[in-house]
């Protein structure tokens, strides 16, 4: 992969147009907006779809999976980082690594779980090519999380579950936040859960559409 390859749709004007659209939709965190501007999204999709990489839309990445639309990535990242004072984040659903690349410079360490090994192999190399080294990967079942490094200051899930996974809630540190879509297909809410000492506080950020969080490897 030639990471320096220049194509028209990666121009500063094209990226600025996307960032301006996200700002108009309510994204306010300047670090998140800068990451959306700087991460080369065209490298995370098939070459045939590169001309659409900076549209605010989800795109297929193979294996029945998608790269989330930039607005959703920005919204989830902004929600996770709101008041964030910790260091470690658990990511469920590595996918092509775009969400990972947006988040990586903004936190100290990411532990990322992906059930599809072929995706994980390509993504690991892609992020290495982009000089992103603060991510540790594991093939596995997202419903199980990654207990070895728990508790996490933040958890971000790029797939929808019908209910909040209890094992992920158990791996969230006090004061930490979990951001994920919850609900059946067609009725998913982007949900933020904050863990307090003795209870969880839950809020909805609005309707979204994600692939399902499939159990097993």
Protein backbone atom coordinates (compact mmCIF):
# COMPACT_ATOMS: atom_id res chain seq x y z
CA UNK A 1 0.00 0.00 0.00
CA UNK A 2 1.40 3.37 -0.99
CA UNK A 3 0.43 5.58 1.92
CA UNK A 4 1.77 8.67 0.18
CA UNK A 5 -0.32 8.21 -2.96
CA UNK A 6 -2.15 11.43 -3.71
CA UNK A 7 -5.61 11.35 -5.30
CA UNK A 8 -7.99 14.21 -5.84
CA UNK A 9 -10.55 13.22 -3.23
CA UNK A 10 -7.92 13.57 -0.46
CA UNK A 11 -7.40 17.29 -1.07
CA UNK A 12 -7.46 19.67 1.88
CA UNK A 13 -10.62 21.24 0.45
CA UNK A 14 -12.42 17.89 0.38
CA UNK A 15 -11.43 17.10 3.97
CA UNK A 16 -12.34 20.59 5.15
CA UNK A 17 -15.76 20.20 3.56
CA UNK A 18 -16.34 17.02 5.58
CA UNK A 19 -15.16 18.64 8.81
CA UNK A 20 -17.40 21.65 8.22
CA UNK A 21 -20.37 19.36 7.70
CA UNK A 22 -19.65 17.55 10.97
CA UNK A 23 -19.32 20.85 12.78
CA UNK A 24 -22.71 21.90 11.39
CA UNK A 25 -24.15 18.62 12.71
CA UNK A 26 -22.98 19.46 16.21
CA UNK A 27 -19.49 17.99 16.62
CA UNK A 28 -17.58 20.45 18.81
CA UNK A 29 -14.43 18.75 20.11
CA UNK A 30 -11.56 20.38 18.15
CA UNK A 31 -9.26 17.38 18.62
CA UNK A 32 -11.86 15.03 17.18
CA UNK A 33 -12.50 17.32 14.22
CA UNK A 34 -8.77 17.56 13.54
CA UNK A 35 -8.48 13.78 13.57
CA UNK A 36 -11.34 13.49 11.07
CA UNK A 37 -9.47 15.97 8.90
CA UNK A 38 -6.07 14.30 9.15
CA UNK A 39 -6.79 10.54 9.11
CA UNK A 40 -6.61 9.32 5.46
CA UNK A 41 -9.98 7.56 5.28
CA UNK A 42 -9.38 6.50 1.66
CA UNK A 43 -6.75 4.06 2.93
CA UNK A 44 -9.37 2.21 5.00
CA UNK A 45 -11.66 1.29 2.09
CA UNK A 46 -11.23 -0.69 -1.12
CA UNK A 47 -9.58 1.26 -3.92
CA UNK A 48 -12.81 1.08 -5.93
CA UNK A 49 -14.56 3.08 -3.19
CA UNK A 50 -11.78 5.60 -2.58
CA UNK A 51 -13.60 8.34 -4.47
CA UNK A 52 -16.36 8.12 -1.82
CA UNK A 53 -14.08 7.97 1.21
CA UNK A 54 -14.76 11.55 2.35
CA UNK A 55 -18.52 11.38 1.99
CA UNK A 56 -20.36 11.26 5.30
CA UNK A 57 -21.58 7.73 4.75
CA UNK A 58 -20.86 4.16 5.80
CA UNK A 59 -19.13 1.96 3.22
CA UNK A 60 -18.62 -1.81 2.92
CA UNK A 61 -15.24 -3.25 3.90
CA UNK A 62 -15.96 -6.92 3.20
CA UNK A 63 -17.02 -9.84 5.40
CA UNK A 64 -20.44 -8.23 5.83
CA UNK A 65 -18.89 -5.33 7.75
CA UNK A 66 -18.82 -1.57 7.18
CA UNK A 67 -16.66 1.44 7.94
CA UNK A 68 -18.86 3.76 9.98
CA UNK A 69 -19.82 7.15 8.61
CA UNK A 70 -17.48 9.93 9.80
CA UNK A 71 -20.25 11.66 11.78
CA UNK A 72 -20.90 8.53 13.83
CA UNK A 73 -17.18 7.99 14.44
CA UNK A 74 -16.81 11.61 15.52
CA UNK A 75 -19.93 11.48 17.72
CA UNK A 76 -18.84 8.29 19.47
CA UNK A 77 -15.30 9.56 19.97
CA UNK A 78 -16.50 12.90 21.30
CA UNK A 79 -18.92 11.18 23.70
CA UNK A 80 -16.22 8.84 24.97
CA UNK A 81 -13.75 11.68 25.57
CA UNK A 82 -16.20 14.06 27.25
CA UNK A 83 -14.61 14.51 30.67
CA UNK A 84 -12.20 11.63 29.98
CA UNK A 85 -9.28 11.65 32.44
CA UNK A 86 -8.12 8.04 32.17
CA UNK A 87 -5.61 6.21 30.00
CA UNK A 88 -6.96 2.92 28.65
CA UNK A 89 -9.77 2.25 26.18
CA UNK A 90 -11.27 -1.07 25.12
CA UNK A 91 -12.48 -1.10 21.52
CA UNK A 92 -14.88 -3.81 20.42
CA UNK A 93 -14.99 -4.28 16.65
CA UNK A 94 -11.65 -3.21 15.18
CA UNK A 95 -12.98 -3.55 11.65
CA UNK A 96 -10.82 -1.71 9.14
CA UNK A 97 -9.26 0.39 11.91
CA UNK A 98 -10.65 3.81 11.02
CA UNK A 99 -12.25 4.41 14.42
CA UNK A 100 -9.02 3.15 16.00
CA UNK A 101 -6.91 5.59 13.99
CA UNK A 102 -9.14 8.54 14.91
CA UNK A 103 -9.01 7.70 18.61
CA UNK A 104 -5.39 6.53 18.98
CA UNK A 105 -3.64 9.93 19.29
CA UNK A 106 -6.21 11.07 21.87
CA UNK A 107 -5.69 8.33 24.48
CA UNK A 108 -2.69 6.53 25.92
CA UNK A 109 -3.58 2.92 25.12
CA UNK A 110 -6.24 1.06 23.10
CA UNK A 111 -7.02 -2.64 23.47
CA UNK A 112 -8.94 -3.68 20.37
CA UNK A 113 -10.95 -6.90 19.85
CA UNK A 114 -12.10 -8.20 16.45
CA UNK A 115 -13.76 -11.55 15.70
CA UNK A 116 -12.81 -11.66 11.97
CA UNK A 117 -9.13 -12.60 11.75
CA UNK A 118 -8.72 -11.54 8.10
CA UNK A 119 -9.83 -8.01 8.94
CA UNK A 120 -7.60 -7.91 11.99
CA UNK A 121 -4.50 -8.98 10.07
CA UNK A 122 -4.94 -6.25 7.47
CA UNK A 123 -5.82 -3.62 10.02
CA UNK A 124 -2.81 -4.35 12.20
CA UNK A 125 -0.50 -3.76 9.24
CA UNK A 126 -2.43 -0.69 8.07
CA UNK A 127 -2.12 1.04 11.45
CA UNK A 128 1.55 0.12 11.67
CA UNK A 129 2.07 1.71 8.25
CA UNK A 130 0.42 4.85 9.64
CA UNK A 131 2.85 4.86 12.62
CA UNK A 132 0.13 4.04 15.15
CA UNK A 133 1.70 1.88 17.86
CA UNK A 134 -0.38 2.40 21.03
CA UNK A 135 -2.93 -0.27 20.05
CA UNK A 136 -2.89 -3.89 21.17
CA UNK A 137 -5.03 -6.32 19.15
CA UNK A 138 -6.78 -9.56 19.96
CA UNK A 139 -8.99 -11.85 17.89
CA UNK A 140 -12.00 -12.75 19.97
CA UNK A 141 -15.63 -12.46 20.96
CA UNK A 142 -16.64 -8.85 21.57
CA UNK A 143 -19.32 -9.94 24.05
CA UNK A 144 -16.51 -11.18 26.29
CA UNK A 145 -14.42 -8.01 26.13
CA UNK A 146 -10.77 -8.39 27.19
CA UNK A 147 -10.69 -9.13 30.93
CA UNK A 148 -6.90 -9.32 31.12
CA UNK A 149 -6.41 -5.53 31.03
CA UNK A 150 -9.63 -4.47 32.76
CA UNK A 151 -10.86 -2.21 34.17
CA UNK A 152 -10.93 0.28 31.28
CA UNK A 153 -11.46 4.01 31.55
CA UNK A 154 -13.50 3.89 28.34
CA UNK A 155 -15.14 1.26 26.15
CA UNK A 156 -16.27 1.92 22.58
CA UNK A 157 -18.27 -0.67 20.65
CA UNK A 158 -18.70 -0.52 16.86
CA UNK A 159 -21.51 -3.06 16.64
CA UNK A 160 -25.03 -3.20 18.04
CA UNK A 161 -26.28 -5.47 20.80
CA UNK A 162 -29.95 -5.92 21.77
CA UNK A 163 -28.97 -5.27 25.41
CA UNK A 164 -25.93 -3.85 27.17
CA UNK A 165 -23.39 -6.70 27.52
CA UNK A 166 -22.92 -7.41 31.23
CA UNK A 167 -19.31 -8.49 30.79
CA UNK A 168 -18.42 -5.16 29.19
CA UNK A 169 -20.12 -3.25 31.99
CA UNK A 170 -18.11 -5.28 34.49
CA UNK A 171 -14.86 -4.26 32.75
CA UNK A 172 -15.63 -0.53 32.97
CA UNK A 173 -13.72 1.38 35.63
CA UNK A 174 -15.58 3.63 38.12
CA UNK A 175 -16.05 6.98 36.43
CA UNK A 176 -15.53 5.36 33.03
CA UNK A 177 -17.78 5.56 29.97
CA UNK A 178 -19.10 2.96 27.55
CA UNK A 179 -20.37 4.14 24.16
CA UNK A 180 -22.24 1.70 21.93
CA UNK A 181 -25.37 1.18 19.82
CA UNK A 182 -28.07 -0.78 21.64
CA UNK A 183 -31.30 -2.24 20.27
CA UNK A 184 -32.65 -4.42 17.47
CA UNK A 185 -32.09 -3.65 13.77
CA UNK A 186 -34.04 -0.54 12.82
CA UNK A 187 -34.40 0.66 16.42
CA UNK A 188 -30.85 1.14 17.66
CA UNK A 189 -29.90 3.98 20.01
CA UNK A 190 -26.36 5.26 20.39
CA UNK A 191 -26.04 4.81 24.13
CA UNK A 192 -23.62 6.26 26.67
CA UNK A 193 -23.21 4.49 30.01
CA UNK A 194 -21.26 6.09 32.86
CA UNK A 195 -20.21 3.90 35.75
CA UNK A 196 -20.50 5.38 39.22
CA UNK A 197 -19.41 3.62 42.39
CA UNK A 198 -22.63 1.70 42.90
CA UNK A 199 -24.67 2.20 39.72
CA UNK A 200 -24.65 2.86 35.98
CA UNK A 201 -26.11 6.01 34.42
CA UNK A 202 -27.45 5.62 30.89
CA UNK A 203 -28.25 8.22 28.21
CA UNK A 204 -29.20 8.11 24.53
CA UNK A 205 -27.47 10.13 21.81
CA UNK A 206 -29.99 9.29 19.10
CA UNK A 207 -30.83 6.71 16.46
CA UNK A 208 -28.08 4.86 14.56
CA UNK A 209 -27.71 1.78 12.36
CA UNK A 210 -24.87 -0.70 12.98
CA UNK A 211 -24.02 -4.27 12.10
CA UNK A 212 -24.83 -6.69 14.94
CA UNK A 213 -22.39 -7.63 17.70
CA UNK A 214 -22.09 -11.32 16.84
CA UNK A 215 -21.08 -13.72 19.61
CA UNK A 216 -18.25 -16.20 19.09
CA UNK A 217 -15.11 -16.05 16.96
